[in-house]
Amino acid sequence: MPWPSVQPVLSGARVLLRAVTDADTDVIYVACQDRDIQHFTQVPVPYTRTDAEIFVDRCPDRWRDGLTANFAVCDRDSGQFLGIVGIIGADHSERVAGLGYWTAPWGRGLGTTSEAVHVVSAWALQDGGMETLVAEAETANTASMRILAGAGFVRQEGADEISELKGSSRTFAVWWARAGSTDG
């Protein structure tokens, strides 16, 4: 097994990252009604309670399979759910994975998403066995671009990609972090 059998709890100064549980289903459903989450991420539109149930139900299996490590981002003091951050599509032989995240409307503007991305990236690049993490952010999503920069990711100049997402052509900037490039 490339990752520990039990998903770790990770923490930063303001965030606690823990496994997604059934108790998160309702708050994930509510958060994913947000227009920005539906526009800038790959969540289905419309986002139904069944979509939230399926996402939550699949998290433990994806962890065990070593494919994806989804973490609920919570306020460290209150425990309030703020969003999701995940190491996705892990290729353990190449030691490369993607990074994905979204933040509930009530969690934005607090700096906690950059911290969560930094904490999960440091874990993936150390204890998670990855050597490189790759993230894409739509260039129109300036908040997401700031989050990646704030978490220590470096934008690959000249590597922007034009992709189809939800019926429109969009430009995505490609960002990376490598083992040793972020402090733990």
Protein backbone atom coordinates (compact mmCIF):
# COMPACT_ATOMS: atom_id res chain seq x y z
CA MET A 1 0.00 0.00 0.00
CA PRO A 2 1.58 3.28 -1.10
CA TRP A 3 -0.12 5.31 1.64
CA PRO A 4 -0.70 4.40 5.28
CA SER A 5 -3.72 2.16 5.84
CA VAL A 6 -5.40 4.89 7.89
CA GLN A 7 -5.75 8.37 6.43
CA PRO A 8 -3.84 10.79 8.67
CA VAL A 9 -5.19 13.91 10.29
CA LEU A 10 -3.06 16.87 9.19
CA SER A 11 -2.97 20.27 10.78
CA GLY A 12 -1.68 23.76 10.27
CA ALA A 13 -1.91 26.90 12.35
CA ARG A 14 -5.56 27.48 11.38
CA VAL A 15 -6.71 24.31 9.65
CA LEU A 16 -7.34 20.69 10.42
CA LEU A 17 -7.48 18.26 7.51
CA ARG A 18 -9.25 14.99 8.16
CA ALA A 19 -10.89 12.18 6.24
CA VAL A 20 -14.24 12.99 4.66
CA THR A 21 -17.04 11.25 6.59
CA ASP A 22 -20.76 10.60 6.16
CA ALA A 23 -21.38 13.53 8.53
CA ASP A 24 -20.00 15.85 5.80
CA THR A 25 -22.60 14.89 3.20
CA ASP A 26 -25.08 17.69 3.95
CA VAL A 27 -22.48 20.45 4.20
CA ILE A 28 -20.81 19.30 0.97
CA TYR A 29 -24.19 19.34 -0.77
CA VAL A 30 -24.89 22.88 0.51
CA ALA A 31 -21.41 24.16 -0.42
CA CYS A 32 -21.61 22.74 -3.93
CA GLN A 33 -24.73 24.78 -4.67
CA ASP A 34 -22.33 27.73 -4.95
CA ARG A 35 -22.07 29.15 -8.47
CA ASP A 36 -18.27 29.50 -8.33
CA ILE A 37 -17.75 25.90 -7.22
CA GLN A 38 -20.05 24.72 -10.00
CA HIS A 39 -18.34 26.96 -12.57
CA PHE A 40 -14.65 26.51 -11.71
CA THR A 41 -14.55 22.85 -10.64
CA GLN A 42 -15.57 19.56 -12.14
CA VAL A 43 -18.52 18.97 -9.82
CA PRO A 44 -21.71 18.07 -11.69
CA VAL A 45 -24.25 20.79 -12.49
CA PRO A 46 -26.78 20.68 -11.04
CA TYR A 47 -25.18 19.23 -7.91
CA THR A 48 -27.60 16.93 -6.11
CA ARG A 49 -27.59 15.39 -2.66
CA THR A 50 -26.98 12.06 -4.42
CA ASP A 51 -23.79 13.55 -5.94
CA ALA A 52 -22.62 14.47 -2.43
CA GLU A 53 -23.46 10.97 -1.15
CA ILE A 54 -21.54 9.32 -3.99
CA PHE A 55 -18.51 11.58 -3.43
CA VAL A 56 -18.47 10.84 0.31
CA ASP A 57 -19.05 7.10 -0.20
CA ARG A 58 -16.12 6.82 -2.64
CA CYS A 59 -13.53 8.67 -0.54
CA PRO A 60 -12.48 5.68 1.66
CA ASP A 61 -12.14 3.34 -1.34
CA ARG A 62 -10.07 5.86 -3.28
CA TRP A 63 -7.80 6.25 -0.25
CA ARG A 64 -7.38 2.46 0.10
CA ASP A 65 -6.71 2.15 -3.64
CA GLY A 66 -3.99 4.80 -3.36
CA LEU A 67 -5.63 6.90 -6.07
CA THR A 68 -6.96 9.91 -4.23
CA ALA A 69 -6.57 11.45 -0.79
CA ASN A 70 -9.54 13.74 -0.19
CA PHE A 71 -9.42 15.75 3.02
CA ALA A 72 -12.15 17.80 4.64
CA VAL A 73 -10.67 21.22 5.40
CA CYS A 74 -11.91 22.40 8.79
CA ASP A 75 -11.26 25.37 11.03
CA ARG A 76 -8.75 24.09 13.58
CA ASP A 77 -10.46 25.72 16.56
CA SER A 78 -14.17 25.36 15.80
CA GLY A 79 -14.11 22.28 13.55
CA GLN A 80 -16.31 24.09 10.99
CA PHE A 81 -16.14 22.52 7.54
CA LEU A 82 -14.54 24.94 5.04
CA GLY A 83 -13.93 22.88 1.92
CA ILE A 84 -12.13 19.96 0.29
CA VAL A 85 -8.52 19.52 -0.73
CA GLY A 86 -7.35 16.40 -2.48
CA ILE A 87 -4.34 14.67 -3.92
CA ILE A 88 -5.86 13.14 -7.05
CA GLY A 89 -4.87 10.63 -9.72
CA ALA A 90 -1.79 9.47 -7.83
CA ASP A 91 0.70 7.56 -9.98
CA HIS A 92 2.91 5.93 -7.38
CA SER A 93 5.33 4.46 -9.92
CA GLU A 94 6.02 7.91 -11.42
CA ARG A 95 5.54 9.61 -8.01
CA VAL A 96 3.26 12.25 -9.59
CA ALA A 97 -0.23 13.33 -8.57
CA GLY A 98 -2.67 16.10 -9.19
CA LEU A 99 -4.05 18.54 -6.67
CA GLY A 100 -7.63 19.71 -6.46
CA TYR A 101 -9.57 21.84 -4.02
CA TRP A 102 -12.63 23.96 -3.50
CA THR A 103 -13.70 26.26 -0.70
CA ALA A 104 -17.21 26.75 0.62
CA PRO A 105 -18.42 30.36 0.35
CA TRP A 106 -18.23 30.80 4.13
CA GLY A 107 -14.58 29.70 4.13
CA ARG A 108 -13.27 32.13 1.54
CA GLY A 109 -10.99 35.07 2.22
CA LEU A 110 -9.56 33.59 5.42
CA GLY A 111 -6.26 32.31 4.04
CA THR A 112 -7.18 28.81 5.15
CA THR A 113 -7.32 27.33 1.65
CA SER A 114 -3.71 28.32 0.89
CA GLU A 115 -2.71 26.84 4.23
CA ALA A 116 -4.66 23.64 3.56
CA VAL A 117 -3.10 23.29 0.10
CA HIS A 118 0.35 23.85 1.61
CA VAL A 119 -0.23 21.30 4.42
CA VAL A 120 -1.60 18.57 2.14
CA SER A 121 1.13 19.20 -0.45
CA ALA A 122 3.87 18.94 2.17
CA TRP A 123 2.35 15.65 3.34
CA ALA A 124 2.07 14.28 -0.22
CA LEU A 125 5.65 15.28 -1.08
CA GLN A 126 7.03 13.77 2.10
CA ASP A 127 5.01 10.99 3.73
CA GLY A 128 2.70 10.45 0.73
CA GLY A 129 5.59 9.35 -1.48
CA MET A 130 4.99 11.83 -4.29
CA GLU A 131 7.81 13.72 -5.98
CA THR A 132 5.71 16.15 -8.03
CA LEU A 133 2.25 17.63 -7.66
CA VAL A 134 0.51 19.31 -10.58
CA ALA A 135 -2.45 21.67 -10.33
CA GLU A 136 -4.44 23.57 -12.92
CA ALA A 137 -6.25 26.81 -12.24
CA GLU A 138 -8.44 28.62 -14.70
CA THR A 139 -6.69 31.91 -15.45
CA ALA A 140 -10.00 33.74 -14.88
CA ASN A 141 -10.03 32.37 -11.31
CA THR A 142 -7.56 34.79 -9.77
CA ALA A 143 -8.35 33.59 -6.23
CA SER A 144 -7.27 30.06 -7.14
CA MET A 145 -4.09 31.39 -8.74
CA ARG A 146 -3.29 33.26 -5.49
CA ILE A 147 -3.98 30.13 -3.44
CA LEU A 148 -1.49 28.08 -5.43
CA ALA A 149 1.18 30.80 -5.29
CA GLY A 150 0.57 31.23 -1.57
CA ALA A 151 0.98 27.50 -1.03
CA GLY A 152 4.39 27.47 -2.74
CA PHE A 153 3.39 26.19 -6.19
CA VAL A 154 5.23 27.58 -9.22
CA ARG A 155 3.42 28.45 -12.43
CA GLN A 156 4.86 26.79 -15.51
CA GLU A 157 5.39 29.67 -17.89
CA GLY A 158 4.22 28.95 -21.40
CA ALA A 159 2.34 25.83 -20.33
CA ASP A 160 -1.19 27.24 -20.27
CA GLU A 161 -3.73 24.83 -21.69
CA ILE A 162 -7.03 25.49 -23.39
CA SER A 163 -9.61 22.89 -22.39
CA GLU A 164 -13.31 22.35 -22.63
CA LEU A 165 -15.14 22.47 -19.30
CA LYS A 166 -18.90 22.39 -18.96
CA GLY A 167 -19.55 23.50 -22.51
CA SER A 168 -17.05 26.34 -22.80
CA SER A 169 -13.44 26.69 -23.85
CA ARG A 170 -11.28 27.90 -20.96
CA THR A 171 -7.61 28.68 -20.35
CA PHE A 172 -5.89 26.91 -17.48
CA ALA A 173 -2.52 27.76 -15.98
CA VAL A 174 -0.41 24.76 -14.98
CA TRP A 175 1.30 24.88 -11.57
CA TRP A 176 3.65 22.44 -9.89
CA ALA A 177 5.32 21.72 -6.59
CA ARG A 178 8.19 19.28 -6.18
CA ALA A 179 9.64 17.49 -3.20
CA GLY A 180 11.98 19.92 -1.47
CA SER A 181 10.27 22.97 -3.01
CA THR A 182 7.81 23.48 -0.14
CA ASP A 183 8.80 23.58 3.49
CA GLY A 184 6.97 21.12 5.69
